[in-house]
Amino acid sequence: MSEGVLDELLRGSLDHCVKCTICETACPVSNVTPLFAGPKYTGPQAERYRVADEPSVDSSVDYCSGCGICTQSCPQGVKIAEINSQARNKLKRQKGVPLRDRIITRPTWLGRAGTPVAKLANLTIDSRPLRILGEKLLKVHRDAPAPEFAGRRFSRWARKHESPSTGRKVIYFHGCGTEYYEPEEGEKVVAILEHNGFEVQVPKQDCCGLPLQSSGLFDDARKVVLRLARNLAKHVHDEDTIIVGNATSCTLMLKREAREILSLEDDPDLKLVSERTYDICELLLELHDRGELKTDFQAVQDTIAYHAPCQQQGHSIGKPALELLALIPGLQVTEMNARCCGIAGTYGLKAEKYDIAMAVGADLFEQVRTSGAATVACDSETCRWQIAKATDRPAVHPIDLLHRAYGLQG
């Protein structure tokens, strides 16, 4: 599908806007800053006045975090967030992209550079003077959450790990967060899948391109996601093999966002990958609904808070993590009802947007602090890092609690 045709499909949805302002009420960004004029204004309303060959005049759209809540809340099905993403891309092409955005949107580059020198890199992350210098030079806020490098890569563990042959195969898409910062998360995902009778294969893979897309770098994002799709598609040629990921924003990118936003609807490899991709909690709950999930859970005497991140809700699959955690004896789970943590991938790292991100997440942070929970569970790694930094509480993937309940620690 050509970019022009896709643009017309997105623009076509704006005619369904009835100006009910539900998206304005739901938007976490426009409610805390006047710098973003709001999803209705910058989306369907402004789009009617945008002309393809004329310069963009709406710099406000760059303050949209891309959380997608507006699209999710629209009763008329208007693709508001997607329209805003296209407008941001046009603005970036016109005004140029800061060096900072070209760096922080490439987690593979950062991961490969930082992993071999993890101790030194982590000291840099923890150094206040160096963080201040980084803010002055690159405009990355000194207080923005920065995960520590693990010093090892998940893929190297996976190459040495032999998954038992069971006849039920899954392809594990681990994402950059697991690869460079949380390799133990990947090991837990593999252990849980194997416990439930799957043979887990981990092919060579790379970034999904979402950080690039979110910052308006569409051409670079297309190259990255198509390379990933080629690598994954080679392993799902039969009808039964599926792809499973634990980074909910990355699985959403493969399922829907890359095809809708990057004009890649008709790419055959991405189409195949899209149709076969599951979020990890989505798959496990589907297994439970079919009576196939092992429920030999041990009691976990703990109280946790759960936050469903924006990107997880964008899957339109409900909140499977909540239903899975309810299966664990003894575990007390309180769902936070705040809409967004504010980080939006790399949005909250940027110096000019950090205060906005913190204001967006303030309600969630306060709910966590008053919940009485010692730990927060959340499906997105960047949201976990944001929550942990803002609340001084550990934040884990729901898979951690399932792994613990299965007694697979070791």
Protein backbone atom coordinates (compact mmCIF):
# COMPACT_ATOMS: atom_id res chain seq x y z
CA MET A 1 0.00 0.00 0.00
CA SER A 2 1.49 3.35 -1.00
CA GLU A 3 2.10 6.09 1.54
CA GLY A 4 -0.42 8.30 -0.23
CA VAL A 5 -3.15 5.67 -0.09
CA LEU A 6 -2.51 4.99 3.58
CA ASP A 7 -2.54 8.69 4.37
CA GLU A 8 -5.94 8.94 2.68
CA LEU A 9 -7.28 6.07 4.79
CA LEU A 10 -6.12 7.75 7.99
CA ARG A 11 -7.42 11.12 6.85
CA GLY A 12 -10.68 9.50 5.83
CA SER A 13 -11.34 8.54 9.43
CA LEU A 14 -11.31 12.20 10.49
CA ASP A 15 -14.66 12.79 8.79
CA HIS A 16 -16.18 10.63 11.53
CA CYS A 17 -15.09 13.12 14.19
CA VAL A 18 -18.19 14.65 15.80
CA LYS A 19 -16.16 17.00 18.06
CA CYS A 20 -17.43 15.32 21.20
CA THR A 21 -14.07 16.15 22.89
CA ILE A 22 -13.84 12.77 24.62
CA CYS A 23 -10.27 12.55 23.32
CA GLU A 24 -9.53 15.97 24.83
CA THR A 25 -10.77 14.80 28.20
CA ALA A 26 -8.75 11.59 27.98
CA CYS A 27 -5.50 13.11 26.71
CA PRO A 28 -2.91 13.00 29.50
CA VAL A 29 -0.64 15.59 27.87
CA SER A 30 -2.96 18.46 26.96
CA ASN A 31 -4.42 18.26 30.46
CA VAL A 32 -1.08 19.21 32.03
CA THR A 33 0.47 21.63 29.52
CA PRO A 34 -0.70 24.30 27.06
CA LEU A 35 2.20 23.39 24.75
CA PHE A 36 0.07 20.61 23.24
CA ALA A 37 -3.16 21.98 21.83
CA GLY A 38 -4.94 18.66 22.26
CA PRO A 39 -5.69 15.62 20.11
CA LYS A 40 -8.86 16.97 18.51
CA TYR A 41 -7.24 20.23 17.44
CA THR A 42 -3.92 18.81 16.22
CA GLY A 43 -5.57 15.66 14.87
CA PRO A 44 -8.81 15.66 12.86
CA GLN A 45 -9.39 19.40 13.10
CA ALA A 46 -5.93 20.55 11.94
CA GLU A 47 -5.61 17.72 9.41
CA ARG A 48 -8.37 19.24 7.30
CA TYR A 49 -6.12 22.24 6.71
CA ARG A 50 -2.86 20.40 6.07
CA VAL A 51 -1.77 20.36 2.44
CA ALA A 52 0.70 17.70 1.32
CA ASP A 53 3.15 19.99 -0.48
CA GLU A 54 2.95 22.93 1.89
CA PRO A 55 5.00 23.49 5.06
CA SER A 56 3.66 22.32 8.40
CA VAL A 57 2.61 25.22 10.60
CA ASP A 58 1.63 23.27 13.71
CA SER A 59 4.67 22.74 15.96
CA SER A 60 2.32 21.81 18.81
CA VAL A 61 1.98 18.28 17.41
CA ASP A 62 5.55 17.51 18.47
CA TYR A 63 4.35 17.66 22.08
CA CYS A 64 1.96 14.75 21.49
CA SER A 65 3.48 11.81 23.36
CA GLY A 66 2.00 9.23 21.00
CA CYS A 67 0.46 7.28 23.88
CA GLY A 68 -2.57 6.40 21.73
CA ILE A 69 -5.15 7.05 24.43
CA CYS A 70 -7.04 9.41 22.11
CA THR A 71 -7.53 6.73 19.46
CA GLN A 72 -8.52 4.19 22.11
CA SER A 73 -11.10 6.52 23.64
CA CYS A 74 -12.67 7.82 20.40
CA PRO A 75 -16.24 6.43 20.07
CA GLN A 76 -16.21 7.12 16.32
CA GLY A 77 -13.03 5.19 15.51
CA VAL A 78 -11.04 8.22 14.35
CA LYS A 79 -7.32 7.40 14.06
CA ILE A 80 -6.27 10.47 16.03
CA ALA A 81 -2.88 9.31 17.32
CA GLU A 82 -1.96 7.93 13.91
CA ILE A 83 -2.89 11.22 12.21
CA ASN A 84 -0.74 13.08 14.73
CA SER A 85 2.15 10.71 14.08
CA GLN A 86 1.99 11.44 10.36
CA ALA A 87 1.90 15.17 11.09
CA ARG A 88 4.93 14.88 13.36
CA ASN A 89 6.84 13.10 10.60
CA LYS A 90 6.08 15.95 8.21
CA LEU A 91 7.23 18.48 10.81
CA LYS A 92 10.51 16.60 11.36
CA ARG A 93 11.19 16.40 7.63
CA GLN A 94 10.66 20.13 7.39
CA LYS A 95 12.58 21.31 10.47
CA GLY A 96 15.16 18.56 10.84
CA VAL A 97 15.86 16.10 13.64
CA PRO A 98 18.11 16.93 16.64
CA LEU A 99 21.21 14.81 17.17
CA ARG A 100 19.76 13.73 20.50
CA ASP A 101 16.73 12.17 18.81
CA ARG A 102 18.95 10.33 16.35
CA ILE A 103 20.87 8.80 19.26
CA ILE A 104 18.25 7.91 21.87
CA THR A 105 15.94 6.34 19.28
CA ARG A 106 18.52 3.65 18.48
CA PRO A 107 18.62 1.35 21.52
CA THR A 108 20.63 -1.23 19.60
CA TRP A 109 23.48 1.23 19.10
CA LEU A 110 23.39 2.25 22.74
CA GLY A 111 23.16 -1.34 23.95
CA ARG A 112 26.05 -2.59 21.87
CA ALA A 113 28.22 0.33 22.93
CA GLY A 114 27.37 0.14 26.62
CA THR A 115 27.33 -3.60 27.29
CA PRO A 116 31.09 -4.27 26.95
CA VAL A 117 31.86 -1.36 29.31
CA ALA A 118 28.80 -1.76 31.53
CA LYS A 119 30.49 -0.85 34.82
CA LEU A 120 31.89 2.38 33.40
CA ALA A 121 28.67 3.19 31.55
CA ASN A 122 26.59 2.65 34.69
CA LEU A 123 28.91 4.92 36.67
CA THR A 124 28.29 7.55 34.03
CA ILE A 125 24.55 7.10 34.37
CA ASP A 126 24.79 7.51 38.14
CA SER A 127 27.10 10.54 38.01
CA ARG A 128 25.23 13.77 38.67
CA PRO A 129 27.85 16.04 37.05
CA LEU A 130 27.92 13.90 33.90
CA ARG A 131 24.11 13.80 33.74
CA ILE A 132 24.07 17.61 33.95
CA LEU A 133 26.67 17.77 31.19
CA GLY A 134 24.57 15.37 29.09
CA GLU A 135 21.56 17.61 29.56
CA LYS A 136 23.50 20.65 28.38
CA LEU A 137 25.06 18.91 25.38
CA LEU A 138 22.32 16.53 24.22
CA LYS A 139 19.20 17.85 25.93
CA VAL A 140 18.54 14.57 27.76
CA HIS A 141 17.15 15.54 31.15
CA ARG A 142 19.46 14.96 34.08
CA ASP A 143 16.71 13.25 36.13
CA ALA A 144 15.19 11.12 33.39
CA PRO A 145 15.12 7.37 34.12
CA ALA A 146 18.13 5.60 32.64
CA PRO A 147 18.32 1.81 33.03
CA GLU A 148 21.63 0.25 33.94
CA PHE A 149 23.34 -2.03 31.45
CA ALA A 150 23.28 -5.67 32.50
CA GLY A 151 26.81 -6.26 31.20
CA ARG A 152 25.60 -9.27 29.25
CA ARG A 153 23.24 -9.91 26.37
CA PHE A 154 20.23 -12.19 26.54
CA SER A 155 20.88 -13.52 23.03
CA ARG A 156 24.23 -14.96 24.11
CA TRP A 157 22.50 -16.89 26.91
CA ALA A 158 19.87 -18.06 24.42
CA ARG A 159 22.47 -19.40 21.99
CA LYS A 160 23.84 -21.67 24.72
CA HIS A 161 20.43 -22.70 26.02
CA GLU A 162 18.86 -25.84 24.56
CA SER A 163 15.09 -25.77 24.63
CA PRO A 164 13.51 -29.24 24.79
CA SER A 165 11.87 -30.41 21.58
CA THR A 166 8.16 -30.76 22.26
CA GLY A 167 6.50 -30.32 18.89
CA ARG A 168 4.99 -26.99 20.00
CA LYS A 169 7.28 -24.25 18.79
CA VAL A 170 7.29 -20.54 19.59
CA ILE A 171 9.62 -17.84 18.32
CA TYR A 172 10.66 -15.51 21.10
CA PHE A 173 10.94 -11.82 20.21
CA HIS A 174 12.76 -10.37 23.21
CA GLY A 175 13.26 -6.72 22.24
CA CYS A 176 16.10 -4.36 23.13
CA GLY A 177 15.16 -3.89 26.79
CA THR A 178 15.56 -7.60 27.49
CA GLU A 179 18.64 -7.91 25.30
CA TYR A 180 20.77 -5.26 26.97
CA TYR A 181 19.18 -4.26 30.28
CA GLU A 182 16.96 -7.07 31.62
CA PRO A 183 18.28 -10.39 30.26
CA GLU A 184 16.86 -12.16 33.30
CA GLU A 185 13.37 -11.25 32.04
CA GLY A 186 14.04 -13.20 28.87
CA GLU A 187 15.25 -16.19 30.83
CA LYS A 188 12.03 -16.15 32.85
CA VAL A 189 9.88 -15.94 29.71
CA VAL A 190 11.71 -18.93 28.24
CA ALA A 191 11.34 -20.91 31.48
CA ILE A 192 7.58 -20.25 31.66
CA LEU A 193 7.01 -21.16 28.02
CA GLU A 194 9.02 -24.35 28.41
CA HIS A 195 7.13 -25.17 31.61
CA ASN A 196 3.97 -25.01 29.53
CA GLY A 197 5.29 -27.39 26.91
CA PHE A 198 6.77 -25.11 24.26
CA GLU A 199 10.05 -25.38 22.43
CA VAL A 200 11.43 -21.83 22.39
CA GLN A 201 13.56 -20.61 19.52
CA VAL A 202 15.38 -17.27 19.62
CA PRO A 203 16.42 -16.19 16.12
CA LYS A 204 18.72 -13.27 15.36
CA GLN A 205 16.79 -10.04 15.78
CA ASP A 206 17.09 -6.32 16.29
CA CYS A 207 15.05 -3.25 17.25
CA CYS A 208 11.43 -2.98 16.10
CA GLY A 209 11.83 0.67 15.08
CA LEU A 210 9.22 2.07 17.46
CA PRO A 211 11.51 4.71 19.05
CA LEU A 212 12.36 6.00 15.57
CA GLN A 213 8.72 6.06 14.51
CA SER A 214 7.64 7.85 17.69
CA SER A 215 10.17 10.61 17.05
CA GLY A 216 9.05 11.08 13.46
CA LEU A 217 11.99 9.28 11.80
CA PHE A 218 9.80 7.24 9.49
CA ASP A 219 12.36 6.30 6.83
CA ASP A 220 14.79 4.90 9.40
CA ALA A 221 11.95 3.15 11.24
CA ARG A 222 10.83 1.41 8.04
CA LYS A 223 14.31 0.02 7.41
CA VAL A 224 14.62 -1.28 10.96
CA VAL A 225 11.18 -2.91 11.26
CA LEU A 226 11.39 -4.50 7.82
CA ARG A 227 14.78 -6.01 8.66
CA LEU A 228 13.29 -7.45 11.85
CA ALA A 229 10.24 -8.76 9.97
CA ARG A 230 12.47 -10.55 7.45
CA ASN A 231 14.41 -12.24 10.24
CA LEU A 232 11.29 -13.36 12.11
CA ALA A 233 9.22 -14.37 9.08
CA LYS A 234 11.79 -17.00 8.08
CA HIS A 235 10.92 -18.95 11.21
CA VAL A 236 7.12 -18.95 10.96
CA HIS A 237 6.64 -20.57 7.57
CA ASP A 238 4.38 -23.33 8.94
CA GLU A 239 0.82 -22.72 10.15
CA ASP A 240 1.35 -23.48 13.84
CA THR A 241 4.42 -21.47 14.84
CA ILE A 242 3.75 -18.18 16.63
CA ILE A 243 5.86 -15.24 17.79
CA VAL A 244 5.77 -14.21 21.45
CA GLY A 245 7.19 -11.04 22.99
CA ASN A 246 7.32 -9.57 26.48
CA ALA A 247 7.84 -5.90 25.49
CA THR A 248 4.24 -4.87 24.97
CA SER A 249 5.06 -1.70 23.00
CA CYS A 250 7.29 -3.69 20.64
CA THR A 251 4.71 -6.40 20.03
CA LEU A 252 2.14 -3.69 19.29
CA MET A 253 4.56 -2.22 16.77
CA LEU A 254 4.71 -5.56 14.96
CA LYS A 255 1.01 -6.26 15.27
CA ARG A 256 -0.37 -2.95 14.12
CA GLU A 257 1.55 0.28 14.39
CA ALA A 258 4.23 -0.30 11.75
CA ARG A 259 1.63 -1.34 9.20
CA GLU A 260 -0.78 1.49 9.95
CA ILE A 261 1.62 4.37 10.48
CA LEU A 262 4.63 3.53 8.30
CA SER A 263 2.69 2.67 5.11
CA LEU A 264 3.76 -0.99 5.29
CA GLU A 265 0.31 -2.58 5.20
CA ASP A 266 1.08 -4.75 2.18
CA ASP A 267 4.59 -5.93 3.05
CA PRO A 268 4.22 -9.75 3.04
CA ASP A 269 6.79 -10.47 5.77
CA LEU A 270 5.44 -7.85 8.12
CA LYS A 271 1.89 -9.00 7.41
CA LEU A 272 2.81 -12.57 8.34
CA VAL A 273 4.65 -11.49 11.46
CA SER A 274 1.74 -9.24 12.45
CA GLU A 275 -0.73 -12.09 12.22
CA ARG A 276 1.45 -14.44 14.29
CA THR A 277 2.57 -12.11 17.09
CA TYR A 278 1.31 -12.42 20.67
CA ASP A 279 2.11 -10.48 23.78
CA ILE A 280 3.28 -12.96 26.43
CA CYS A 281 0.37 -12.40 28.84
CA GLU A 282 -2.07 -12.50 25.94
CA LEU A 283 -0.79 -15.95 24.95
CA LEU A 284 -0.77 -17.33 28.49
CA LEU A 285 -4.34 -16.19 29.13
CA GLU A 286 -5.47 -17.72 25.84
CA LEU A 287 -3.87 -21.00 26.94
CA HIS A 288 -5.74 -20.76 30.24
CA ASP A 289 -9.04 -20.12 28.47
CA ARG A 290 -8.44 -23.28 26.43
CA GLY A 291 -7.57 -25.26 29.56
CA GLU A 292 -3.96 -25.67 28.46
CA LEU A 293 -2.10 -23.42 30.91
CA LYS A 294 -0.38 -25.17 33.78
CA THR A 295 -1.73 -23.75 37.02
CA ASP A 296 0.57 -25.51 39.47
CA PHE A 297 1.17 -22.21 41.22
CA GLN A 298 2.69 -21.94 44.67
CA ALA A 299 1.37 -19.28 47.03
CA VAL A 300 2.97 -15.84 46.78
CA GLN A 301 2.24 -13.87 49.92
CA ASP A 302 2.70 -10.37 48.58
CA THR A 303 0.79 -7.17 47.81
CA ILE A 304 1.48 -5.46 44.50
CA ALA A 305 0.15 -2.57 42.44
CA TYR A 306 -0.52 -3.14 38.74
CA HIS A 307 -0.40 -0.51 36.00
CA ALA A 308 -1.56 -1.38 32.48
CA PRO A 309 0.57 0.83 30.19
CA CYS A 310 -0.91 2.72 27.26
CA GLN A 311 0.73 0.50 24.65
CA GLN A 312 -0.61 -2.65 26.32
CA GLN A 313 -4.12 -1.23 26.19
CA GLY A 314 -3.54 -0.46 22.52
CA HIS A 315 -3.58 -4.20 21.79
CA SER A 316 -7.35 -4.22 22.52
CA ILE A 317 -7.03 -7.51 24.40
CA GLY A 318 -8.20 -6.34 27.80
CA LYS A 319 -5.74 -6.70 30.67
CA PRO A 320 -4.60 -10.32 30.58
CA ALA A 321 -1.90 -9.77 33.20
CA LEU A 322 -4.56 -8.97 35.81
CA GLU A 323 -6.41 -12.19 35.06
CA LEU A 324 -3.22 -14.24 35.20
CA LEU A 325 -2.08 -12.68 38.47
CA ALA A 326 -5.49 -13.51 39.97
CA LEU A 327 -4.62 -17.20 39.54
CA ILE A 328 -1.71 -16.97 41.99
CA PRO A 329 -2.72 -18.01 45.54
CA GLY A 330 -2.02 -15.42 48.21
CA LEU A 331 -1.14 -12.60 45.84
CA GLN A 332 -3.02 -9.36 46.47
CA VAL A 333 -3.22 -7.12 43.40
CA THR A 334 -4.49 -3.55 43.29
CA GLU A 335 -5.01 -2.06 39.85
CA MET A 336 -3.96 1.56 39.44
CA ASN A 337 -6.54 3.54 37.47
CA ALA A 338 -4.25 6.35 36.29
CA ARG A 339 -4.06 6.56 32.51
CA CYS A 340 -0.35 7.04 31.83
CA CYS A 341 3.07 7.12 33.49
CA GLY A 342 4.20 9.88 31.11
CA ILE A 343 7.42 8.37 29.77
CA ALA A 344 6.04 7.34 26.34
CA GLY A 345 9.25 5.58 25.31
CA THR A 346 11.81 8.35 24.76
CA TYR A 347 9.38 11.28 25.19
CA GLY A 348 10.08 11.79 28.88
CA LEU A 349 13.84 11.63 28.40
CA LYS A 350 13.88 14.88 26.44
CA ALA A 351 14.78 17.95 28.48
CA GLU A 352 11.94 20.07 27.11
CA LYS A 353 9.39 17.33 27.80
CA TYR A 354 10.60 15.85 31.08
CA ASP A 355 8.44 18.08 33.30
CA ILE A 356 5.41 17.30 31.15
CA ALA A 357 6.07 13.57 31.48
CA MET A 358 6.35 13.86 35.25
CA ALA A 359 3.14 15.88 35.45
CA VAL A 360 1.36 13.26 33.32
CA GLY A 361 2.54 10.48 35.62
CA ALA A 362 1.92 12.33 38.89
CA ASP A 363 -1.48 10.71 39.51
CA LEU A 364 -0.05 7.22 38.96
CA PHE A 365 2.95 7.90 41.18
CA GLU A 366 0.72 9.09 44.00
CA GLN A 367 -1.55 6.07 43.64
CA VAL A 368 1.46 3.77 43.88
CA ARG A 369 2.77 5.55 46.97
CA THR A 370 -0.57 5.32 48.78
CA SER A 371 -1.43 1.78 47.63
CA GLY A 372 0.53 0.06 50.36
CA ALA A 373 2.17 -2.13 47.73
CA ALA A 374 5.88 -2.75 47.96
CA THR A 375 6.19 -3.64 44.26
CA VAL A 376 4.62 -2.45 41.01
CA ALA A 377 3.89 -4.76 38.08
CA CYS A 378 3.79 -3.31 34.57
CA ASP A 379 4.07 -4.84 31.08
CA SER A 380 6.33 -2.15 29.56
CA GLU A 381 10.00 -1.80 30.45
CA THR A 382 10.23 1.96 29.85
CA CYS A 383 7.14 2.46 32.04
CA ARG A 384 8.69 0.27 34.74
CA TRP A 385 11.85 2.36 34.70
CA GLN A 386 9.80 5.55 34.94
CA ILE A 387 7.66 4.24 37.80
CA ALA A 388 10.63 2.87 39.74
CA LYS A 389 12.54 6.15 39.43
CA ALA A 390 9.56 8.29 40.42
CA THR A 391 8.30 6.18 43.34
CA ASP A 392 11.45 4.50 44.68
CA ARG A 393 9.66 1.15 44.43
CA PRO A 394 10.80 -1.83 42.40
CA ALA A 395 8.80 -2.37 39.23
CA VAL A 396 8.63 -5.78 37.57
CA HIS A 397 6.99 -7.44 34.58
CA PRO A 398 3.95 -9.57 35.53
CA ILE A 399 5.93 -12.51 34.19
CA ASP A 400 8.23 -12.20 37.23
CA LEU A 401 5.37 -13.07 39.57
CA LEU A 402 4.24 -16.00 37.42
CA HIS A 403 7.81 -17.29 37.31
CA ARG A 404 7.98 -17.03 41.09
CA ALA A 405 4.63 -18.77 41.55
CA TYR A 406 5.70 -21.61 39.27
CA GLY A 407 8.72 -22.14 41.54
CA LEU A 408 11.14 -21.78 38.63
CA GLN A 409 13.69 -19.58 40.37
CA GLY A 410 16.28 -22.12 40.30
